[in-house]
Amino acid sequence: MRSKVLFVLTLVLALLITVPTEAKRKRIQENGPTRQGHSYSTHTITWWCLDLNNLLHVDVPVVVGLGALVAPDPAPIPTTCDQTSFPVTVPNGSQFVAGAAGWYTNKTYPLKLREALAADGYKFHSQSPEEDLRSKLDQIQVEIRTFPAGDPVTTFTFDPKHNFRLMQLRDYTGALPAPDPFVVPELDISLTSDQVARSPFLMFPGEVGPVGPGEYRAFVSWHLTADHNDGFDIQDGDFIFAGWNLMAFPRFIVTP
């Protein structure tokens, strides 16, 4: 079973894919949270040398977790770049992208999987799991809490339909080792490594903030109007369920 909670699961995803990437270069739509009051900063670079600002087309800090910034030991590939230190530092007065949470899906619902889901009452939006997710994901919430005390500070929300980035999984995984083939014999699913790498991958980089100087966690939650299945299997890890789902909770620091 594949764990799908992506990008605080970044390391897990990176190694599974590896996960939560170069094909479709769809621009992030611009009518999300206001961009006033932010300052420009150094790009956020992962330990496998991925520039998250370039990937997401944003010019504010991208706050991600430890797994994206510190290589495992031993690392699966040589680390050849000067990656961003953990936790990410946000300049005072700047907006930021929190969590960089994402999700990848199969390109379609295979017949036997579709039949199994239909028998269980699953509500399909289309034959595309990626379109299914975007139809059911109606709000993203970013709750800021102090670290380590966990005191609530403020909450931001944005519309994921106007703040998304559609790409392929390999655009995110970049130089990481190719994913394993994915096979579920009982559902007649057999995907090559290249097919998995070309899976549709969605990220929702809405800009939030600013918040005052201090150290924080950003709790990123997705709200779905109905259960969503990724099109790969019918295990729990292949679903995001109706209601609120915590997807990421990275630490970050705002400088004085």
C-alpha atoms as a PDB file:
ATOM      1  CA  MET A   1       0.000   0.000   0.000  1.00  0.00           C
ATOM      2  CA  ARG A   2       1.265   3.474  -0.876  1.00  0.00           C
ATOM      3  CA  SER A   3       1.079   6.271   1.626  1.00  0.00           C
ATOM      4  CA  LYS A   4      -0.479   9.261  -0.131  1.00  0.00           C
ATOM      5  CA  VAL A   5      -0.410  12.129   2.382  1.00  0.00           C
ATOM      6  CA  LEU A   6       2.113  14.130   0.436  1.00  0.00           C
ATOM      7  CA  PHE A   7       4.427  16.711   1.380  1.00  0.00           C
ATOM      8  CA  VAL A   8       5.123  16.761   4.789  1.00  0.00           C
ATOM      9  CA  LEU A   9       5.293  13.266   3.505  1.00  0.00           C
ATOM     10  CA  THR A  10       7.729  14.687   1.038  1.00  0.00           C
ATOM     11  CA  LEU A  11      10.486  12.384   2.010  1.00  0.00           C
ATOM     12  CA  VAL A  12       8.188   9.397   1.992  1.00  0.00           C
ATOM     13  CA  LEU A  13       6.876  10.518  -1.339  1.00  0.00           C
ATOM     14  CA  ALA A  14      10.288  11.216  -2.578  1.00  0.00           C
ATOM     15  CA  LEU A  15      11.383   7.734  -1.769  1.00  0.00           C
ATOM     16  CA  LEU A  16       8.144   6.112  -2.913  1.00  0.00           C
ATOM     17  CA  ILE A  17       8.143   7.680  -6.253  1.00  0.00           C
ATOM     18  CA  THR A  18       9.510   8.567  -5.384  1.00  0.00           C
ATOM     19  CA  VAL A  19       6.784  11.241  -3.589  1.00  0.00           C
ATOM     20  CA  PRO A  20       4.174  14.027  -3.731  1.00  0.00           C
ATOM     21  CA  THR A  21       7.594  15.482 -11.702  1.00  0.00           C
ATOM     22  CA  GLU A  22       8.013  18.054 -16.179  1.00  0.00           C
ATOM     23  CA  ALA A  23       5.144  17.934 -18.451  1.00  0.00           C
ATOM     24  CA  LYS A  24       2.215  20.279 -18.175  1.00  0.00           C
ATOM     25  CA  ARG A  25       3.268  23.797 -17.245  1.00  0.00           C
ATOM     26  CA  LYS A  26      -0.100  25.144 -16.171  1.00  0.00           C
ATOM     27  CA  ARG A  27       0.258  28.559 -14.603  1.00  0.00           C
ATOM     28  CA  ILE A  28      -1.087  29.050 -11.094  1.00  0.00           C
ATOM     29  CA  GLN A  29      -4.170  31.204 -11.373  1.00  0.00           C
ATOM     30  CA  GLU A  30      -3.801  34.621  -9.847  1.00  0.00           C
ATOM     31  CA  ASN A  31      -7.080  35.359  -8.079  1.00  0.00           C
ATOM     32  CA  GLY A  32      -6.281  33.665  -4.791  1.00  0.00           C
ATOM     33  CA  PRO A  33      -5.067  35.346  -1.581  1.00  0.00           C
ATOM     34  CA  THR A  34      -3.872  38.916  -2.033  1.00  0.00           C
ATOM     35  CA  ARG A  35      -0.202  39.443  -2.739  1.00  0.00           C
ATOM     36  CA  GLN A  36       0.148  42.730  -0.864  1.00  0.00           C
ATOM     37  CA  GLY A  37       2.828  43.204   1.753  1.00  0.00           C
ATOM     38  CA  HIS A  38       5.154  40.352   0.866  1.00  0.00           C
ATOM     39  CA  SER A  39       8.866  40.634   0.250  1.00  0.00           C
ATOM     40  CA  TYR A  40      11.002  38.640  -2.137  1.00  0.00           C
ATOM     41  CA  SER A  41      13.309  35.979  -0.759  1.00  0.00           C
ATOM     42  CA  THR A  42      15.734  33.223  -1.621  1.00  0.00           C
ATOM     43  CA  HIS A  43      14.105  30.250  -3.310  1.00  0.00           C
ATOM     44  CA  THR A  44      13.313  27.078  -1.374  1.00  0.00           C
ATOM     45  CA  ILE A  45      15.568  24.271  -2.657  1.00  0.00           C
ATOM     46  CA  THR A  46      15.021  20.607  -1.681  1.00  0.00           C
ATOM     47  CA  TRP A  47      17.867  18.231  -0.884  1.00  0.00           C
ATOM     48  CA  TRP A  48      17.439  16.653  -4.337  1.00  0.00           C
ATOM     49  CA  CYS A  49      17.996  20.117  -5.886  1.00  0.00           C
ATOM     50  CA  LEU A  50      14.422  20.955  -6.853  1.00  0.00           C
ATOM     51  CA  ASP A  51      13.625  24.677  -6.860  1.00  0.00           C
ATOM     52  CA  LEU A  52      10.109  24.769  -5.415  1.00  0.00           C
ATOM     53  CA  ASN A  53       9.606  28.430  -6.337  1.00  0.00           C
ATOM     54  CA  ASN A  54      10.288  27.682  -9.991  1.00  0.00           C
ATOM     55  CA  LEU A  55       8.095  24.582  -9.857  1.00  0.00           C
ATOM     56  CA  LEU A  56       5.151  26.423  -8.320  1.00  0.00           C
ATOM     57  CA  HIS A  57       5.677  29.782 -10.048  1.00  0.00           C
ATOM     58  CA  VAL A  58       5.734  31.732  -6.787  1.00  0.00           C
ATOM     59  CA  ASP A  59       8.165  34.365  -5.548  1.00  0.00           C
ATOM     60  CA  VAL A  60       7.588  34.010  -1.795  1.00  0.00           C
ATOM     61  CA  PRO A  61       9.107  31.420   0.579  1.00  0.00           C
ATOM     62  CA  VAL A  62       7.760  27.878   0.220  1.00  0.00           C
ATOM     63  CA  VAL A  63       7.489  26.380   3.716  1.00  0.00           C
ATOM     64  CA  VAL A  64       8.080  22.613   3.710  1.00  0.00           C
ATOM     65  CA  GLY A  65       9.002  19.970   6.244  1.00  0.00           C
ATOM     66  CA  LEU A  66      12.244  18.307   7.278  1.00  0.00           C
ATOM     67  CA  GLY A  67      11.923  15.471   4.777  1.00  0.00           C
ATOM     68  CA  ALA A  68      12.164  17.829   1.806  1.00  0.00           C
ATOM     69  CA  LEU A  69      15.226  19.709   3.077  1.00  0.00           C
ATOM     70  CA  VAL A  70      17.412  17.145   4.870  1.00  0.00           C
ATOM     71  CA  ALA A  71      18.618  14.106   2.940  1.00  0.00           C
ATOM     72  CA  PRO A  72      18.291  10.668   4.531  1.00  0.00           C
ATOM     73  CA  ASP A  73      21.451   8.842   5.520  1.00  0.00           C
ATOM     74  CA  PRO A  74      22.415   7.191   3.280  1.00  0.00           C
ATOM     75  CA  ALA A  75      20.937   9.373   0.542  1.00  0.00           C
ATOM     76  CA  PRO A  76      19.623   7.572  -2.581  1.00  0.00           C
ATOM     77  CA  ILE A  77      21.407  10.101  -4.816  1.00  0.00           C
ATOM     78  CA  PRO A  78      24.406  12.417  -4.358  1.00  0.00           C
ATOM     79  CA  THR A  79      23.428  15.753  -2.849  1.00  0.00           C
ATOM     80  CA  THR A  80      25.060  18.293  -5.136  1.00  0.00           C
ATOM     81  CA  CYS A  81      23.294  21.548  -4.281  1.00  0.00           C
ATOM     82  CA  ASP A  82      23.067  24.023  -1.432  1.00  0.00           C
ATOM     83  CA  GLN A  83      19.591  23.107  -0.207  1.00  0.00           C
ATOM     84  CA  THR A  84      17.513  25.358   2.017  1.00  0.00           C
ATOM     85  CA  SER A  85      18.092  24.926   5.755  1.00  0.00           C
ATOM     86  CA  PHE A  86      15.318  23.550   7.953  1.00  0.00           C
ATOM     87  CA  PRO A  87      13.118  25.148   9.169  1.00  0.00           C
ATOM     88  CA  VAL A  88      12.422  27.537   6.291  1.00  0.00           C
ATOM     89  CA  THR A  89      12.905  31.193   7.247  1.00  0.00           C
ATOM     90  CA  VAL A  90      10.300  33.739   6.140  1.00  0.00           C
ATOM     91  CA  PRO A  91      11.239  37.451   6.132  1.00  0.00           C
ATOM     92  CA  ASN A  92       9.128  39.645   8.395  1.00  0.00           C
ATOM     93  CA  GLY A  93       6.200  41.045   6.396  1.00  0.00           C
ATOM     94  CA  SER A  94       6.373  38.408   3.678  1.00  0.00           C
ATOM     95  CA  GLN A  95       3.605  36.117   2.536  1.00  0.00           C
ATOM     96  CA  PHE A  96       4.505  32.450   2.071  1.00  0.00           C
ATOM     97  CA  VAL A  97       3.241  29.170   0.639  1.00  0.00           C
ATOM     98  CA  ALA A  98       2.554  26.767   3.516  1.00  0.00           C
ATOM     99  CA  GLY A  99       3.096  23.039   3.298  1.00  0.00           C
ATOM    100  CA  ALA A 100       3.241  22.640  -0.478  1.00  0.00           C
ATOM    101  CA  ALA A 101       0.915  19.664   0.027  1.00  0.00           C
ATOM    102  CA  GLY A 102       0.077  17.665  -3.091  1.00  0.00           C
ATOM    103  CA  TRP A 103      -1.524  14.476  -4.413  1.00  0.00           C
ATOM    104  CA  TYR A 104      -0.917  12.238  -7.418  1.00  0.00           C
ATOM    105  CA  THR A 105      -3.457  10.092  -9.219  1.00  0.00           C
ATOM    106  CA  ASN A 106      -3.816   7.520 -11.956  1.00  0.00           C
ATOM    107  CA  LYS A 107      -4.749   8.929 -15.359  1.00  0.00           C
ATOM    108  CA  THR A 108      -8.029   7.026 -15.353  1.00  0.00           C
ATOM    109  CA  TYR A 109     -10.148   4.697 -13.233  1.00  0.00           C
ATOM    110  CA  PRO A 110      -9.372   1.146 -14.468  1.00  0.00           C
ATOM    111  CA  LEU A 111     -12.518  -0.863 -15.153  1.00  0.00           C
ATOM    112  CA  LYS A 112     -12.344  -3.296 -12.216  1.00  0.00           C
ATOM    113  CA  LEU A 113     -11.443  -0.509  -9.812  1.00  0.00           C
ATOM    114  CA  ARG A 114     -14.301   1.596 -11.108  1.00  0.00           C
ATOM    115  CA  GLU A 115     -16.708  -1.306 -10.646  1.00  0.00           C
ATOM    116  CA  ALA A 116     -15.498  -1.898  -7.066  1.00  0.00           C
ATOM    117  CA  LEU A 117     -15.878   1.782  -6.204  1.00  0.00           C
ATOM    118  CA  ALA A 118     -19.326   1.999  -7.811  1.00  0.00           C
ATOM    119  CA  ALA A 119     -20.491  -1.045  -5.825  1.00  0.00           C
ATOM    120  CA  ASP A 120     -19.511   0.814  -2.661  1.00  0.00           C
ATOM    121  CA  GLY A 121     -21.473   3.936  -3.641  1.00  0.00           C
ATOM    122  CA  TYR A 122     -18.533   6.052  -4.789  1.00  0.00           C
ATOM    123  CA  LYS A 123     -19.527   9.304  -6.509  1.00  0.00           C
ATOM    124  CA  PHE A 124     -17.570   9.815  -9.737  1.00  0.00           C
ATOM    125  CA  HIS A 125     -17.073  13.250 -11.223  1.00  0.00           C
ATOM    126  CA  SER A 126     -15.473  11.891 -14.391  1.00  0.00           C
ATOM    127  CA  GLN A 127     -13.282   9.051 -15.610  1.00  0.00           C
ATOM    128  CA  SER A 128     -10.243  11.097 -14.504  1.00  0.00           C
ATOM    129  CA  PRO A 129      -9.206  10.812 -10.818  1.00  0.00           C
ATOM    130  CA  GLU A 130      -7.374  14.139 -11.115  1.00  0.00           C
ATOM    131  CA  GLU A 131     -10.564  15.882 -12.264  1.00  0.00           C
ATOM    132  CA  ASP A 132     -12.474  14.027  -9.562  1.00  0.00           C
ATOM    133  CA  LEU A 133     -10.202  15.489  -6.884  1.00  0.00           C
ATOM    134  CA  ARG A 134     -10.469  19.037  -8.187  1.00  0.00           C
ATOM    135  CA  SER A 135     -14.269  18.774  -8.344  1.00  0.00           C
ATOM    136  CA  LYS A 136     -14.511  17.633  -4.696  1.00  0.00           C
ATOM    137  CA  LEU A 137     -11.790  19.779  -3.088  1.00  0.00           C
ATOM    138  CA  ASP A 138     -13.577  23.036  -2.252  1.00  0.00           C
ATOM    139  CA  GLN A 139     -11.453  24.732   0.422  1.00  0.00           C
ATOM    140  CA  ILE A 140      -7.933  24.719   1.835  1.00  0.00           C
ATOM    141  CA  GLN A 141      -7.248  25.992   5.334  1.00  0.00           C
ATOM    142  CA  VAL A 142      -3.882  26.981   6.795  1.00  0.00           C
ATOM    143  CA  GLU A 143      -3.924  27.292  10.589  1.00  0.00           C
ATOM    144  CA  ILE A 144      -0.868  28.939  12.121  1.00  0.00           C
ATOM    145  CA  ARG A 145       0.126  27.851  15.635  1.00  0.00           C
ATOM    146  CA  THR A 146       3.135  28.788  17.733  1.00  0.00           C
ATOM    147  CA  PHE A 147       5.930  26.239  18.094  1.00  0.00           C
ATOM    148  CA  PRO A 148       6.457  24.423  20.370  1.00  0.00           C
ATOM    149  CA  ALA A 149       3.528  25.619  22.544  1.00  0.00           C
ATOM    150  CA  GLY A 150       0.888  25.097  19.855  1.00  0.00           C
ATOM    151  CA  ASP A 151      -1.096  28.243  20.640  1.00  0.00           C
ATOM    152  CA  PRO A 152      -3.455  29.304  17.804  1.00  0.00           C
ATOM    153  CA  VAL A 153      -2.376  32.497  16.030  1.00  0.00           C
ATOM    154  CA  THR A 154      -4.503  32.898  12.915  1.00  0.00           C
ATOM    155  CA  THR A 155      -6.165  30.935  10.129  1.00  0.00           C
ATOM    156  CA  PHE A 156      -6.126  31.544   6.377  1.00  0.00           C
ATOM    157  CA  THR A 157      -8.356  29.929   3.764  1.00  0.00           C
ATOM    158  CA  PHE A 158      -8.221  29.885  -0.027  1.00  0.00           C
ATOM    159  CA  ASP A 159     -10.058  28.392  -2.970  1.00  0.00           C
ATOM    160  CA  PRO A 160      -8.082  25.478  -4.464  1.00  0.00           C
ATOM    161  CA  LYS A 161      -9.892  25.852  -7.770  1.00  0.00           C
ATOM    162  CA  HIS A 162      -8.066  29.146  -8.258  1.00  0.00           C
ATOM    163  CA  ASN A 163      -4.739  28.175  -6.693  1.00  0.00           C
ATOM    164  CA  PHE A 164      -3.512  24.927  -8.197  1.00  0.00           C
ATOM    165  CA  ARG A 165      -0.547  23.597 -10.136  1.00  0.00           C
ATOM    166  CA  LEU A 166      -1.063  20.566 -12.381  1.00  0.00           C
ATOM    167  CA  MET A 167       2.058  18.683 -13.427  1.00  0.00           C
ATOM    168  CA  GLN A 168       3.444  15.165 -13.628  1.00  0.00           C
ATOM    169  CA  LEU A 169       4.807  13.341 -10.607  1.00  0.00           C
ATOM    170  CA  ARG A 170       8.316  13.334 -12.092  1.00  0.00           C
ATOM    171  CA  ASP A 171       8.307  17.146 -12.124  1.00  0.00           C
ATOM    172  CA  TYR A 172       8.396  16.992  -8.329  1.00  0.00           C
ATOM    173  CA  THR A 173      10.675  13.998  -7.891  1.00  0.00           C
ATOM    174  CA  GLY A 174      13.213  15.246 -10.409  1.00  0.00           C
ATOM    175  CA  ALA A 175      16.577  13.512  -9.968  1.00  0.00           C
ATOM    176  CA  LEU A 176      15.315  11.021  -7.386  1.00  0.00           C
ATOM    177  CA  PRO A 177      15.308   7.328  -8.322  1.00  0.00           C
ATOM    178  CA  ALA A 178      12.534   6.256 -10.680  1.00  0.00           C
ATOM    179  CA  PRO A 179       9.423   4.827  -9.014  1.00  0.00           C
ATOM    180  CA  ASP A 180       8.792   1.123  -8.900  1.00  0.00           C
ATOM    181  CA  PRO A 181       6.201  -0.319 -11.286  1.00  0.00           C
ATOM    182  CA  PHE A 182       2.754  -0.480  -9.698  1.00  0.00           C
ATOM    183  CA  VAL A 183       0.804  -3.717  -9.972  1.00  0.00           C
ATOM    184  CA  VAL A 184      -2.530  -4.761  -8.408  1.00  0.00           C
ATOM    185  CA  PRO A 185      -3.376  -8.099 -10.104  1.00  0.00           C
ATOM    186  CA  GLU A 186      -6.867  -8.430  -8.616  1.00  0.00           C
ATOM    187  CA  LEU A 187      -7.844  -5.114 -10.214  1.00  0.00           C
ATOM    188  CA  ASP A 188      -5.980  -5.700 -13.508  1.00  0.00           C
ATOM    189  CA  ILE A 189      -3.754  -2.704 -12.770  1.00  0.00           C
ATOM    190  CA  SER A 190      -0.210  -2.871 -14.124  1.00  0.00           C
ATOM    191  CA  LEU A 191       1.730   0.383 -14.518  1.00  0.00           C
ATOM    192  CA  THR A 192       5.360   0.666 -15.580  1.00  0.00           C
ATOM    193  CA  SER A 193       7.822   2.867 -13.739  1.00  0.00           C
ATOM    194  CA  ASP A 194       7.546   5.467 -16.493  1.00  0.00           C
ATOM    195  CA  GLN A 195       3.753   5.444 -16.340  1.00  0.00           C
ATOM    196  CA  VAL A 196       3.830   6.035 -12.588  1.00  0.00           C
ATOM    197  CA  ALA A 197       6.331   8.869 -13.061  1.00  0.00           C
ATOM    198  CA  ARG A 198       3.964  10.503 -15.571  1.00  0.00           C
ATOM    199  CA  SER A 199       0.984  10.341 -13.205  1.00  0.00           C
ATOM    200  CA  PRO A 200      -0.954  13.613 -12.834  1.00  0.00           C
ATOM    201  CA  PHE A 201       0.211  15.461  -9.758  1.00  0.00           C
ATOM    202  CA  LEU A 202      -1.588  18.398  -8.134  1.00  0.00           C
ATOM    203  CA  MET A 203      -0.237  20.972  -5.695  1.00  0.00           C
ATOM    204  CA  PHE A 204      -2.147  23.924  -4.238  1.00  0.00           C
ATOM    205  CA  PRO A 205       0.282  26.780  -3.512  1.00  0.00           C
ATOM    206  CA  GLY A 206      -2.009  29.500  -2.220  1.00  0.00           C
ATOM    207  CA  GLU A 207      -0.070  32.380  -0.653  1.00  0.00           C
ATOM    208  CA  VAL A 208      -0.965  33.173   2.975  1.00  0.00           C
ATOM    209  CA  GLY A 209       0.261  35.546   5.675  1.00  0.00           C
ATOM    210  CA  PRO A 210       2.061  37.540   6.721  1.00  0.00           C
ATOM    211  CA  VAL A 211       2.403  36.682  10.408  1.00  0.00           C
ATOM    212  CA  GLY A 212       4.617  38.373  12.998  1.00  0.00           C
ATOM    213  CA  PRO A 213       8.123  37.296  13.995  1.00  0.00           C
ATOM    214  CA  GLY A 214       8.342  33.974  15.801  1.00  0.00           C
ATOM    215  CA  GLU A 215       8.479  30.202  15.304  1.00  0.00           C
ATOM    216  CA  TYR A 216       5.377  28.370  14.087  1.00  0.00           C
ATOM    217  CA  ARG A 217       3.757  25.324  12.552  1.00  0.00           C
ATOM    218  CA  ALA A 218       1.392  25.669   9.594  1.00  0.00           C
ATOM    219  CA  PHE A 219      -1.376  23.048   9.696  1.00  0.00           C
ATOM    220  CA  VAL A 220      -2.599  22.604   6.116  1.00  0.00           C
ATOM    221  CA  SER A 221      -6.016  20.938   5.767  1.00  0.00           C
ATOM    222  CA  TRP A 222      -8.073  20.103   2.686  1.00  0.00           C
ATOM    223  CA  HIS A 223     -11.876  20.017   2.726  1.00  0.00           C
ATOM    224  CA  LEU A 224     -13.629  17.616   0.331  1.00  0.00           C
ATOM    225  CA  THR A 225     -17.356  17.492  -0.408  1.00  0.00           C
ATOM    226  CA  ALA A 226     -17.214  13.705  -1.042  1.00  0.00           C
ATOM    227  CA  ASP A 227     -14.725  10.846  -0.837  1.00  0.00           C
ATOM    228  CA  HIS A 228     -11.978  10.842  -3.479  1.00  0.00           C
ATOM    229  CA  ASN A 229     -10.026   7.828  -4.763  1.00  0.00           C
ATOM    230  CA  ASP A 230      -6.688   8.166  -6.572  1.00  0.00           C
ATOM    231  CA  GLY A 231      -7.390   5.453  -9.192  1.00  0.00           C
ATOM    232  CA  PHE A 232      -4.546   3.160  -8.091  1.00  0.00           C
ATOM    233  CA  ASP A 233      -6.207   0.842  -5.561  1.00  0.00           C
ATOM    234  CA  ILE A 234      -8.961   0.677  -2.933  1.00  0.00           C
ATOM    235  CA  GLN A 235      -6.758   0.742   0.184  1.00  0.00           C
ATOM    236  CA  ASP A 236      -7.249   3.482   2.789  1.00  0.00           C
ATOM    237  CA  GLY A 237      -4.099   5.219   1.567  1.00  0.00           C
ATOM    238  CA  ASP A 238      -5.703   5.682  -1.853  1.00  0.00           C
ATOM    239  CA  PHE A 239      -8.511   7.855  -0.499  1.00  0.00           C
ATOM    240  CA  ILE A 240      -8.965  11.375   0.747  1.00  0.00           C
ATOM    241  CA  PHE A 241     -12.242  11.326   2.630  1.00  0.00           C
ATOM    242  CA  ALA A 242     -15.133  13.781   2.761  1.00  0.00           C
ATOM    243  CA  GLY A 243     -14.645  16.556   5.313  1.00  0.00           C
ATOM    244  CA  TRP A 244     -11.393  17.985   6.626  1.00  0.00           C
ATOM    245  CA  ASN A 245      -8.087  16.161   6.035  1.00  0.00           C
ATOM    246  CA  LEU A 246      -4.773  17.286   7.576  1.00  0.00           C
ATOM    247  CA  MET A 247      -2.216  17.143   4.734  1.00  0.00           C
ATOM    248  CA  ALA A 248       0.891  18.892   6.090  1.00  0.00           C
ATOM    249  CA  PHE A 249       2.182  20.622   9.233  1.00  0.00           C
ATOM    250  CA  PRO A 250       5.651  22.089   8.565  1.00  0.00           C
ATOM    251  CA  ARG A 251       7.597  24.257  10.987  1.00  0.00           C
ATOM    252  CA  PHE A 252       8.902  27.661   9.930  1.00  0.00           C
ATOM    253  CA  ILE A 253      10.436  30.809  11.381  1.00  0.00           C
ATOM    254  CA  VAL A 254       9.542  34.439  10.714  1.00  0.00           C
ATOM    255  CA  THR A 255      12.523  36.722  11.271  1.00  0.00           C
ATOM    256  CA  PRO A 256      12.285  39.889  13.405  1.00  0.00           C
END
